[in-house]
């Protein structure tokens, strides 16, 4: 197996993003059309990013990239290759996980 951790931390490829109040090195890209097709239909219209890093993130962690907040929704462990792959969805604050929904009157 080829360990590409060196590339994930190479300044030619990576950038700093903020996650959990810390700056971490990561390679960030927008999802390709093929990757978007794997998402549930109702989620495809939202902006998603792919984060490749050797730092540990958890599902629902907040990540800030280019001034926008994203939430981690999917994780793939490529530890044998020296990194983990995360998918994050743009979070505008309207999608409150603690929402009680609508009250019927």
PDB file of N, CA and C in Angstrom:
ATOM      1  N   UNK A   1       0.830  -1.178   0.000  1.00  0.00           N
ATOM      2  CA  UNK A   1       0.000   0.000   0.000  1.00  0.00           C
ATOM      3  C   UNK A   1       0.877   1.245   0.000  1.00  0.00           C
ATOM      4  N   UNK A   2       0.383   2.258  -0.649  1.00  0.00           N
ATOM      5  CA  UNK A   2       1.111   3.513  -0.737  1.00  0.00           C
ATOM      6  C   UNK A   2       0.555   4.474   0.305  1.00  0.00           C
ATOM      7  N   UNK A   3       1.414   4.964   1.182  1.00  0.00           N
ATOM      8  CA  UNK A   3       1.005   5.919   2.201  1.00  0.00           C
ATOM      9  C   UNK A   3       1.132   7.322   1.614  1.00  0.00           C
ATOM     10  N   UNK A   4      -0.004   7.991   1.420  1.00  0.00           N
ATOM     11  CA  UNK A   4       0.033   9.324   0.815  1.00  0.00           C
ATOM     12  C   UNK A   4      -0.088  10.435   1.857  1.00  0.00           C
ATOM     13  N   UNK A   5       0.164  10.119   3.109  1.00  0.00           N
ATOM     14  CA  UNK A   5       0.108  11.117   4.170  1.00  0.00           C
ATOM     15  C   UNK A   5       1.018  12.295   3.861  1.00  0.00           C
ATOM     16  N   UNK A   6       2.129  12.021   3.213  1.00  0.00           N
ATOM     17  CA  UNK A   6       3.074  13.075   2.837  1.00  0.00           C
ATOM     18  C   UNK A   6       2.400  14.113   1.931  1.00  0.00           C
ATOM     19  N   UNK A   7       1.557  13.657   1.011  1.00  0.00           N
ATOM     20  CA  UNK A   7       0.858  14.577   0.114  1.00  0.00           C
ATOM     21  C   UNK A   7      -0.239  15.350   0.837  1.00  0.00           C
ATOM     22  N   UNK A   8      -0.911  14.687   1.766  1.00  0.00           N
ATOM     23  CA  UNK A   8      -1.990  15.339   2.508  1.00  0.00           C
ATOM     24  C   UNK A   8      -1.443  16.506   3.327  1.00  0.00           C
ATOM     25  N   UNK A   9      -0.195  16.426   3.752  1.00  0.00           N
ATOM     26  CA  UNK A   9       0.427  17.491   4.542  1.00  0.00           C
ATOM     27  C   UNK A   9       1.349  18.390   3.731  1.00  0.00           C
ATOM     28  N   UNK A  10       1.457  18.164   2.430  1.00  0.00           N
ATOM     29  CA  UNK A  10       2.318  18.970   1.564  1.00  0.00           C
ATOM     30  C   UNK A  10       1.664  20.328   1.314  1.00  0.00           C
ATOM     31  N   UNK A  11       2.404  21.412   1.526  1.00  0.00           N
ATOM     32  CA  UNK A  11       1.836  22.758   1.372  1.00  0.00           C
ATOM     33  C   UNK A  11       1.418  23.062  -0.061  1.00  0.00           C
ATOM     34  N   UNK A  12       1.881  22.277  -1.035  1.00  0.00           N
ATOM     35  CA  UNK A  12       1.433  22.460  -2.418  1.00  0.00           C
ATOM     36  C   UNK A  12      -0.006  21.985  -2.607  1.00  0.00           C
ATOM     37  N   UNK A  13      -0.468  21.103  -1.752  1.00  0.00           N
ATOM     38  CA  UNK A  13      -1.799  20.524  -1.894  1.00  0.00           C
ATOM     39  C   UNK A  13      -2.758  20.923  -0.777  1.00  0.00           C
ATOM     40  N   UNK A  14      -2.245  21.065   0.436  1.00  0.00           N
ATOM     41  CA  UNK A  14      -3.140  21.259   1.577  1.00  0.00           C
ATOM     42  C   UNK A  14      -3.335  22.730   1.908  1.00  0.00           C
ATOM     43  N   UNK A  15      -4.307  22.965   2.728  1.00  0.00           N
ATOM     44  CA  UNK A  15      -4.598  24.297   3.233  1.00  0.00           C
ATOM     45  C   UNK A  15      -5.073  24.141   4.666  1.00  0.00           C
ATOM     46  N   UNK A  16      -5.157  25.240   5.374  1.00  0.00           N
ATOM     47  CA  UNK A  16      -5.632  25.188   6.748  1.00  0.00           C
ATOM     48  C   UNK A  16      -7.131  25.450   6.774  1.00  0.00           C
ATOM     49  N   UNK A  17      -7.842  24.617   7.525  1.00  0.00           N
ATOM     50  CA  UNK A  17      -9.263  24.834   7.777  1.00  0.00           C
ATOM     51  C   UNK A  17      -9.454  24.808   9.287  1.00  0.00           C
ATOM     52  N   UNK A  18     -10.573  25.318   9.741  1.00  0.00           N
ATOM     53  CA  UNK A  18     -10.853  25.312  11.173  1.00  0.00           C
ATOM     54  C   UNK A  18     -11.871  24.230  11.487  1.00  0.00           C
ATOM     55  N   UNK A  19     -11.530  23.395  12.444  1.00  0.00           N
ATOM     56  CA  UNK A  19     -12.431  22.328  12.881  1.00  0.00           C
ATOM     57  C   UNK A  19     -12.336  22.213  14.393  1.00  0.00           C
ATOM     58  N   UNK A  20     -13.465  22.279  15.052  1.00  0.00           N
ATOM     59  CA  UNK A  20     -13.514  22.176  16.518  1.00  0.00           C
ATOM     60  C   UNK A  20     -12.636  23.216  17.199  1.00  0.00           C
ATOM     61  N   UNK A  21     -12.575  24.418  16.638  1.00  0.00           N
ATOM     62  CA  UNK A  21     -11.794  25.497  17.223  1.00  0.00           C
ATOM     63  C   UNK A  21     -10.305  25.403  16.979  1.00  0.00           C
ATOM     64  N   UNK A  22      -9.856  24.428  16.192  1.00  0.00           N
ATOM     65  CA  UNK A  22      -8.430  24.263  15.894  1.00  0.00           C
ATOM     66  C   UNK A  22      -8.204  24.377  14.397  1.00  0.00           C
ATOM     67  N   UNK A  23      -7.027  24.859  14.029  1.00  0.00           N
ATOM     68  CA  UNK A  23      -6.661  24.879  12.613  1.00  0.00           C
ATOM     69  C   UNK A  23      -5.983  23.556  12.287  1.00  0.00           C
ATOM     70  N   UNK A  24      -6.450  22.908  11.224  1.00  0.00           N
ATOM     71  CA  UNK A  24      -5.861  21.640  10.804  1.00  0.00           C
ATOM     72  C   UNK A  24      -5.492  21.718   9.332  1.00  0.00           C
ATOM     73  N   UNK A  25      -4.515  20.905   8.942  1.00  0.00           N
ATOM     74  CA  UNK A  25      -4.126  20.804   7.539  1.00  0.00           C
ATOM     75  C   UNK A  25      -5.017  19.782   6.855  1.00  0.00           C
ATOM     76  N   UNK A  26      -5.492  20.141   5.664  1.00  0.00           N
ATOM     77  CA  UNK A  26      -6.360  19.227   4.924  1.00  0.00           C
ATOM     78  C   UNK A  26      -6.331  19.581   3.447  1.00  0.00           C
ATOM     79  N   UNK A  27      -6.626  18.593   2.624  1.00  0.00           N
ATOM     80  CA  UNK A  27      -6.862  18.820   1.206  1.00  0.00           C
ATOM     81  C   UNK A  27      -8.375  18.896   1.056  1.00  0.00           C
ATOM     82  N   UNK A  28      -8.871  20.027   0.563  1.00  0.00           N
ATOM     83  CA  UNK A  28     -10.315  20.246   0.454  1.00  0.00           C
ATOM     84  C   UNK A  28     -10.684  20.428  -1.010  1.00  0.00           C
ATOM     85  N   UNK A  29     -11.709  19.698  -1.436  1.00  0.00           N
ATOM     86  CA  UNK A  29     -12.214  19.802  -2.804  1.00  0.00           C
ATOM     87  C   UNK A  29     -13.732  19.729  -2.757  1.00  0.00           C
ATOM     88  N   UNK A  30     -14.360  20.322  -3.770  1.00  0.00           N
ATOM     89  CA  UNK A  30     -15.804  20.154  -3.899  1.00  0.00           C
ATOM     90  C   UNK A  30     -16.057  18.763  -4.465  1.00  0.00           C
ATOM     91  N   UNK A  31     -17.196  18.180  -4.143  1.00  0.00           N
ATOM     92  CA  UNK A  31     -17.507  16.830  -4.609  1.00  0.00           C
ATOM     93  C   UNK A  31     -17.669  16.799  -6.124  1.00  0.00           C
ATOM     94  N   UNK A  32     -17.235  15.698  -6.718  1.00  0.00           N
ATOM     95  CA  UNK A  32     -17.413  15.497  -8.157  1.00  0.00           C
ATOM     96  C   UNK A  32     -18.864  15.098  -8.430  1.00  0.00           C
ATOM     97  N   UNK A  33     -19.251  15.109  -9.693  1.00  0.00           N
ATOM     98  CA  UNK A  33     -20.611  14.693 -10.057  1.00  0.00           C
ATOM     99  C   UNK A  33     -20.888  13.256  -9.623  1.00  0.00           C
ATOM    100  N   UNK A  34     -19.908  12.370  -9.799  1.00  0.00           N
ATOM    101  CA  UNK A  34     -20.087  10.974  -9.390  1.00  0.00           C
ATOM    102  C   UNK A  34     -20.298  10.858  -7.880  1.00  0.00           C
ATOM    103  N   UNK A  35     -19.531  11.623  -7.111  1.00  0.00           N
ATOM    104  CA  UNK A  35     -19.688  11.583  -5.657  1.00  0.00           C
ATOM    105  C   UNK A  35     -21.045  12.152  -5.235  1.00  0.00           C
ATOM    106  N   UNK A  36     -21.515  13.168  -5.940  1.00  0.00           N
ATOM    107  CA  UNK A  36     -22.824  13.750  -5.629  1.00  0.00           C
ATOM    108  C   UNK A  36     -23.943  12.742  -5.875  1.00  0.00           C
ATOM    109  N   UNK A  37     -23.779  11.875  -6.878  1.00  0.00           N
ATOM    110  CA  UNK A  37     -24.816  10.891  -7.196  1.00  0.00           C
ATOM    111  C   UNK A  37     -24.997   9.872  -6.078  1.00  0.00           C
ATOM    112  N   UNK A  38     -23.998   9.690  -5.241  1.00  0.00           N
ATOM    113  CA  UNK A  38     -24.084   8.739  -4.132  1.00  0.00           C
ATOM    114  C   UNK A  38     -24.854   9.291  -2.936  1.00  0.00           C
ATOM    115  N   UNK A  39     -25.120  10.597  -2.953  1.00  0.00           N
ATOM    116  CA  UNK A  39     -25.838  11.226  -1.844  1.00  0.00           C
ATOM    117  C   UNK A  39     -27.343  11.029  -1.998  1.00  0.00           C
ATOM    118  N   UNK A  40     -28.089  11.098  -0.903  1.00  0.00           N
ATOM    119  CA  UNK A  40     -29.551  11.043  -1.016  1.00  0.00           C
ATOM    120  C   UNK A  40     -30.047  12.195  -1.895  1.00  0.00           C
ATOM    121  N   UNK A  41     -31.106  11.962  -2.653  1.00  0.00           N
ATOM    122  CA  UNK A  41     -31.588  12.962  -3.610  1.00  0.00           C
ATOM    123  C   UNK A  41     -31.872  14.314  -2.975  1.00  0.00           C
ATOM    124  N   UNK A  42     -32.437  14.330  -1.801  1.00  0.00           N
ATOM    125  CA  UNK A  42     -32.769  15.587  -1.147  1.00  0.00           C
ATOM    126  C   UNK A  42     -31.570  16.386  -0.686  1.00  0.00           C
ATOM    127  N   UNK A  43     -30.394  15.782  -0.680  1.00  0.00           N
ATOM    128  CA  UNK A  43     -29.177  16.454  -0.224  1.00  0.00           C
ATOM    129  C   UNK A  43     -28.307  16.955  -1.371  1.00  0.00           C
ATOM    130  N   UNK A  44     -28.603  16.581  -2.578  1.00  0.00           N
ATOM    131  CA  UNK A  44     -27.717  16.877  -3.707  1.00  0.00           C
ATOM    132  C   UNK A  44     -27.654  18.352  -4.073  1.00  0.00           C
ATOM    133  N   UNK A  45     -28.674  19.110  -3.747  1.00  0.00           N
ATOM    134  CA  UNK A  45     -28.684  20.519  -4.128  1.00  0.00           C
ATOM    135  C   UNK A  45     -27.812  21.372  -3.206  1.00  0.00           C
ATOM    136  N   UNK A  46     -27.455  20.850  -2.051  1.00  0.00           N
ATOM    137  CA  UNK A  46     -26.645  21.598  -1.088  1.00  0.00           C
ATOM    138  C   UNK A  46     -25.166  21.489  -1.445  1.00  0.00           C
ATOM    139  N   UNK A  47     -24.415  22.485  -1.034  1.00  0.00           N
ATOM    140  CA  UNK A  47     -22.978  22.504  -1.305  1.00  0.00           C
ATOM    141  C   UNK A  47     -22.260  21.528  -0.373  1.00  0.00           C
ATOM    142  N   UNK A  48     -21.434  20.664  -0.954  1.00  0.00           N
ATOM    143  CA  UNK A  48     -20.669  19.671  -0.196  1.00  0.00           C
ATOM    144  C   UNK A  48     -19.186  19.832  -0.500  1.00  0.00           C
ATOM    145  N   UNK A  49     -18.361  19.468   0.465  1.00  0.00           N
ATOM    146  CA  UNK A  49     -16.920  19.423   0.239  1.00  0.00           C
ATOM    147  C   UNK A  49     -16.389  18.075   0.700  1.00  0.00           C
ATOM    148  N   UNK A  50     -15.259  17.702   0.121  1.00  0.00           N
ATOM    149  CA  UNK A  50     -14.537  16.495   0.533  1.00  0.00           C
ATOM    150  C   UNK A  50     -13.281  16.957   1.254  1.00  0.00           C
ATOM    151  N   UNK A  51     -13.035  16.399   2.426  1.00  0.00           N
ATOM    152  CA  UNK A  51     -11.893  16.772   3.254  1.00  0.00           C
ATOM    153  C   UNK A  51     -11.014  15.547   3.424  1.00  0.00           C
ATOM    154  N   UNK A  52      -9.775  15.637   2.974  1.00  0.00           N
ATOM    155  CA  UNK A  52      -8.795  14.571   3.176  1.00  0.00           C
ATOM    156  C   UNK A  52      -7.769  15.081   4.179  1.00  0.00           C
ATOM    157  N   UNK A  53      -7.647  14.394   5.311  1.00  0.00           N
ATOM    158  CA  UNK A  53      -6.745  14.838   6.368  1.00  0.00           C
ATOM    159  C   UNK A  53      -6.309  13.654   7.218  1.00  0.00           C
ATOM    160  N   UNK A  54      -5.232  13.850   7.961  1.00  0.00           N
ATOM    161  CA  UNK A  54      -4.824  12.819   8.912  1.00  0.00           C
ATOM    162  C   UNK A  54      -5.301  13.163  10.321  1.00  0.00           C
ATOM    163  N   UNK A  55      -6.055  14.255  10.462  1.00  0.00           N
ATOM    164  CA  UNK A  55      -6.638  14.645  11.750  1.00  0.00           C
ATOM    165  C   UNK A  55      -7.975  13.941  11.947  1.00  0.00           C
ATOM    166  N   UNK A  56      -8.304  13.714  13.191  1.00  0.00           N
ATOM    167  CA  UNK A  56      -9.544  13.012  13.530  1.00  0.00           C
ATOM    168  C   UNK A  56     -10.707  13.994  13.596  1.00  0.00           C
ATOM    169  N   UNK A  57     -11.749  13.727  12.825  1.00  0.00           N
ATOM    170  CA  UNK A  57     -12.999  14.481  12.894  1.00  0.00           C
ATOM    171  C   UNK A  57     -14.115  13.502  13.238  1.00  0.00           C
ATOM    172  N   UNK A  58     -15.190  14.016  13.787  1.00  0.00           N
ATOM    173  CA  UNK A  58     -16.346  13.191  14.126  1.00  0.00           C
ATOM    174  C   UNK A  58     -17.543  13.637  13.301  1.00  0.00           C
ATOM    175  N   UNK A  59     -18.505  12.745  13.150  1.00  0.00           N
ATOM    176  CA  UNK A  59     -19.727  13.119  12.459  1.00  0.00           C
ATOM    177  C   UNK A  59     -20.395  14.271  13.203  1.00  0.00           C
ATOM    178  N   UNK A  60     -20.936  15.211  12.464  1.00  0.00           N
ATOM    179  CA  UNK A  60     -21.598  16.422  12.952  1.00  0.00           C
ATOM    180  C   UNK A  60     -20.638  17.478  13.484  1.00  0.00           C
ATOM    181  N   UNK A  61     -19.320  17.288  13.347  1.00  0.00           N
ATOM    182  CA  UNK A  61     -18.375  18.341  13.708  1.00  0.00           C
ATOM    183  C   UNK A  61     -18.549  19.519  12.759  1.00  0.00           C
ATOM    184  N   UNK A  62     -18.345  20.724  13.270  1.00  0.00           N
ATOM    185  CA  UNK A  62     -18.380  21.929  12.443  1.00  0.00           C
ATOM    186  C   UNK A  62     -17.000  22.173  11.853  1.00  0.00           C
ATOM    187  N   UNK A  63     -16.983  22.482  10.558  1.00  0.00           N
ATOM    188  CA  UNK A  63     -15.749  22.785   9.844  1.00  0.00           C
ATOM    189  C   UNK A  63     -15.967  24.104   9.117  1.00  0.00           C
ATOM    190  N   UNK A  64     -15.007  25.014   9.204  1.00  0.00           N
ATOM    191  CA  UNK A  64     -15.113  26.296   8.513  1.00  0.00           C
ATOM    192  C   UNK A  64     -14.118  26.328   7.359  1.00  0.00           C
ATOM    193  N   UNK A  65     -14.648  26.583   6.160  1.00  0.00           N
ATOM    194  CA  UNK A  65     -13.837  26.614   4.942  1.00  0.00           C
ATOM    195  C   UNK A  65     -14.298  27.786   4.082  1.00  0.00           C
ATOM    196  N   UNK A  66     -13.379  28.668   3.750  1.00  0.00           N
ATOM    197  CA  UNK A  66     -13.661  29.857   2.932  1.00  0.00           C
ATOM    198  C   UNK A  66     -14.829  30.672   3.486  1.00  0.00           C
ATOM    199  N   UNK A  67     -14.861  30.818   4.807  1.00  0.00           N
ATOM    200  CA  UNK A  67     -15.870  31.644   5.453  1.00  0.00           C
ATOM    201  C   UNK A  67     -17.230  30.997   5.632  1.00  0.00           C
ATOM    202  N   UNK A  68     -17.381  29.753   5.222  1.00  0.00           N
ATOM    203  CA  UNK A  68     -18.656  29.046   5.353  1.00  0.00           C
ATOM    204  C   UNK A  68     -18.537  27.906   6.354  1.00  0.00           C
ATOM    205  N   UNK A  69     -19.643  27.613   7.023  1.00  0.00           N
ATOM    206  CA  UNK A  69     -19.666  26.506   7.979  1.00  0.00           C
ATOM    207  C   UNK A  69     -20.211  25.257   7.301  1.00  0.00           C
ATOM    208  N   UNK A  70     -19.537  24.150   7.546  1.00  0.00           N
ATOM    209  CA  UNK A  70     -19.952  22.847   7.024  1.00  0.00           C
ATOM    210  C   UNK A  70     -20.061  21.889   8.197  1.00  0.00           C
ATOM    211  N   UNK A  71     -20.895  20.856   8.044  1.00  0.00           N
ATOM    212  CA  UNK A  71     -21.018  19.796   9.045  1.00  0.00           C
ATOM    213  C   UNK A  71     -20.583  18.480   8.425  1.00  0.00           C
ATOM    214  N   UNK A  72     -19.757  17.737   9.152  1.00  0.00           N
ATOM    215  CA  UNK A  72     -19.277  16.441   8.673  1.00  0.00           C
ATOM    216  C   UNK A  72     -20.440  15.452   8.719  1.00  0.00           C
ATOM    217  N   UNK A  73     -20.718  14.809   7.573  1.00  0.00           N
ATOM    218  CA  UNK A  73     -21.850  13.881   7.500  1.00  0.00           C
ATOM    219  C   UNK A  73     -21.445  12.464   7.085  1.00  0.00           C
ATOM    220  N   UNK A  74     -20.211  12.292   6.634  1.00  0.00           N
ATOM    221  CA  UNK A  74     -19.795  10.971   6.157  1.00  0.00           C
ATOM    222  C   UNK A  74     -18.296  10.828   6.350  1.00  0.00           C
ATOM    223  N   UNK A  75     -17.854   9.634   6.695  1.00  0.00           N
ATOM    224  CA  UNK A  75     -16.435   9.382   6.941  1.00  0.00           C
ATOM    225  C   UNK A  75     -16.010   8.086   6.264  1.00  0.00           C
ATOM    226  N   UNK A  76     -14.836   8.113   5.653  1.00  0.00           N
ATOM    227  CA  UNK A  76     -14.210   6.904   5.124  1.00  0.00           C
ATOM    228  C   UNK A  76     -12.809   6.822   5.716  1.00  0.00           C
ATOM    229  N   UNK A  77     -12.495   5.699   6.313  1.00  0.00           N
ATOM    230  CA  UNK A  77     -11.189   5.517   6.939  1.00  0.00           C
ATOM    231  C   UNK A  77     -10.215   4.907   5.940  1.00  0.00           C
ATOM    232  N   UNK A  78      -9.294   5.721   5.484  1.00  0.00           N
ATOM    233  CA  UNK A  78      -8.228   5.269   4.590  1.00  0.00           C
ATOM    234  C   UNK A  78      -6.905   5.277   5.358  1.00  0.00           C
ATOM    235  N   UNK A  79      -6.964   4.895   6.643  1.00  0.00           N
ATOM    236  CA  UNK A  79      -5.795   4.911   7.511  1.00  0.00           C
ATOM    237  C   UNK A  79      -4.622   4.120   6.971  1.00  0.00           C
ATOM    238  N   UNK A  80      -4.891   3.069   6.212  1.00  0.00           N
ATOM    239  CA  UNK A  80      -3.805   2.284   5.617  1.00  0.00           C
ATOM    240  C   UNK A  80      -3.018   3.110   4.609  1.00  0.00           C
ATOM    241  N   UNK A  81      -3.661   4.153   4.086  1.00  0.00           N
ATOM    242  CA  UNK A  81      -3.009   5.040   3.125  1.00  0.00           C
ATOM    243  C   UNK A  81      -2.562   6.349   3.768  1.00  0.00           C
ATOM    244  N   UNK A  82      -2.783   6.505   5.060  1.00  0.00           N
ATOM    245  CA  UNK A  82      -2.281   7.662   5.783  1.00  0.00           C
ATOM    246  C   UNK A  82      -3.243   8.825   5.944  1.00  0.00           C
ATOM    247  N   UNK A  83      -4.517   8.626   5.657  1.00  0.00           N
ATOM    248  CA  UNK A  83      -5.467   9.726   5.811  1.00  0.00           C
ATOM    249  C   UNK A  83      -6.887   9.202   5.986  1.00  0.00           C
ATOM    250  N   UNK A  84      -7.784  10.113   6.314  1.00  0.00           N
ATOM    251  CA  UNK A  84      -9.215   9.821   6.357  1.00  0.00           C
ATOM    252  C   UNK A  84      -9.911  10.788   5.415  1.00  0.00           C
ATOM    253  N   UNK A  85     -11.005  10.331   4.843  1.00  0.00           N
ATOM    254  CA  UNK A  85     -11.781  11.118   3.899  1.00  0.00           C
ATOM    255  C   UNK A  85     -13.125  11.432   4.541  1.00  0.00           C
ATOM    256  N   UNK A  86     -13.483  12.702   4.558  1.00  0.00           N
ATOM    257  CA  UNK A  86     -14.752  13.134   5.138  1.00  0.00           C
ATOM    258  C   UNK A  86     -15.560  13.891   4.092  1.00  0.00           C
ATOM    259  N   UNK A  87     -16.865  13.766   4.159  1.00  0.00           N
ATOM    260  CA  UNK A  87     -17.764  14.580   3.350  1.00  0.00           C
ATOM    261  C   UNK A  87     -18.494  15.502   4.309  1.00  0.00           C
ATOM    262  N   UNK A  88     -18.537  16.790   3.956  1.00  0.00           N
ATOM    263  CA  UNK A  88     -19.210  17.779   4.798  1.00  0.00           C
ATOM    264  C   UNK A  88     -20.210  18.562   3.960  1.00  0.00           C
ATOM    265  N   UNK A  89     -21.331  18.899   4.566  1.00  0.00           N
ATOM    266  CA  UNK A  89     -22.403  19.633   3.894  1.00  0.00           C
ATOM    267  C   UNK A  89     -22.465  21.050   4.461  1.00  0.00           C
ATOM    268  N   UNK A  90     -22.732  22.011   3.586  1.00  0.00           N
ATOM    269  CA  UNK A  90     -22.815  23.398   4.038  1.00  0.00           C
ATOM    270  C   UNK A  90     -23.974  23.549   5.017  1.00  0.00           C
ATOM    271  N   UNK A  91     -23.700  24.246   6.099  1.00  0.00           N
ATOM    272  CA  UNK A  91     -24.667  24.426   7.182  1.00  0.00           C
ATOM    273  C   UNK A  91     -24.956  25.911   7.315  1.00  0.00           C
ATOM    274  N   UNK A  92     -26.192  26.313   7.050  1.00  0.00           N
ATOM    275  CA  UNK A  92     -26.564  27.724   7.105  1.00  0.00           C
ATOM    276  C   UNK A  92     -27.215  28.112   8.421  1.00  0.00           C
ATOM    277  N   UNK A  93     -27.368  27.176   9.322  1.00  0.00           N
ATOM    278  CA  UNK A  93     -27.980  27.472  10.603  1.00  0.00           C
ATOM    279  C   UNK A  93     -29.475  27.228  10.638  1.00  0.00           C
ATOM    280  N   UNK A  94     -30.098  27.082   9.477  1.00  0.00           N
ATOM    281  CA  UNK A  94     -31.533  26.819   9.451  1.00  0.00           C
ATOM    282  C   UNK A  94     -31.828  25.372   9.808  1.00  0.00           C
ATOM    283  N   UNK A  95     -30.848  24.509   9.558  1.00  0.00           N
ATOM    284  CA  UNK A  95     -31.010  23.080   9.820  1.00  0.00           C
ATOM    285  C   UNK A  95     -30.596  22.796  11.254  1.00  0.00           C
ATOM    286  N   UNK A  96     -31.422  23.152  12.197  1.00  0.00           N
ATOM    287  CA  UNK A  96     -31.107  22.968  13.601  1.00  0.00           C
ATOM    288  C   UNK A  96     -31.404  21.530  14.002  1.00  0.00           C
ATOM    289  N   UNK A  97     -30.398  20.782  14.448  1.00  0.00           N
ATOM    290  CA  UNK A  97     -30.636  19.382  14.820  1.00  0.00           C
ATOM    291  C   UNK A  97     -31.557  19.228  16.029  1.00  0.00           C
ATOM    292  N   UNK A  98     -31.744  20.300  16.814  1.00  0.00           N
ATOM    293  CA  UNK A  98     -32.600  20.227  17.996  1.00  0.00           C
ATOM    294  C   UNK A  98     -33.990  20.797  17.738  1.00  0.00           C
ATOM    295  N   UNK A  99     -34.321  20.993  16.481  1.00  0.00           N
ATOM    296  CA  UNK A  99     -35.611  21.585  16.140  1.00  0.00           C
ATOM    297  C   UNK A  99     -36.751  20.661  16.558  1.00  0.00           C
ATOM    298  N   UNK A 100     -37.781  21.246  17.118  1.00  0.00           N
ATOM    299  CA  UNK A 100     -38.971  20.479  17.497  1.00  0.00           C
ATOM    300  C   UNK A 100     -39.982  20.421  16.371  1.00  0.00           C
ATOM    301  N   UNK A 101     -39.642  20.997  15.239  1.00  0.00           N
ATOM    302  CA  UNK A 101     -40.554  20.989  14.104  1.00  0.00           C
ATOM    303  C   UNK A 101     -41.636  22.037  14.269  1.00  0.00           C
ATOM    304  N   UNK A 102     -42.742  21.818  13.625  1.00  0.00           N
ATOM    305  CA  UNK A 102     -43.859  22.755  13.667  1.00  0.00           C
ATOM    306  C   UNK A 102     -44.880  22.286  14.691  1.00  0.00           C
ATOM    307  N   UNK A 103     -45.466  23.245  15.382  1.00  0.00           N
ATOM    308  CA  UNK A 103     -46.534  22.919  16.318  1.00  0.00           C
ATOM    309  C   UNK A 103     -47.866  23.058  15.606  1.00  0.00           C
ATOM    310  N   UNK A 104     -48.712  22.070  15.761  1.00  0.00           N
ATOM    311  CA  UNK A 104     -50.046  22.127  15.177  1.00  0.00           C
ATOM    312  C   UNK A 104     -50.985  22.821  16.148  1.00  0.00           C
ATOM    313  N   UNK A 105     -51.782  23.729  15.624  1.00  0.00           N
ATOM    314  CA  UNK A 105     -52.728  24.444  16.493  1.00  0.00           C
ATOM    315  C   UNK A 105     -54.148  24.110  16.118  1.00  0.00           C
TER     316      UNK A 105
END
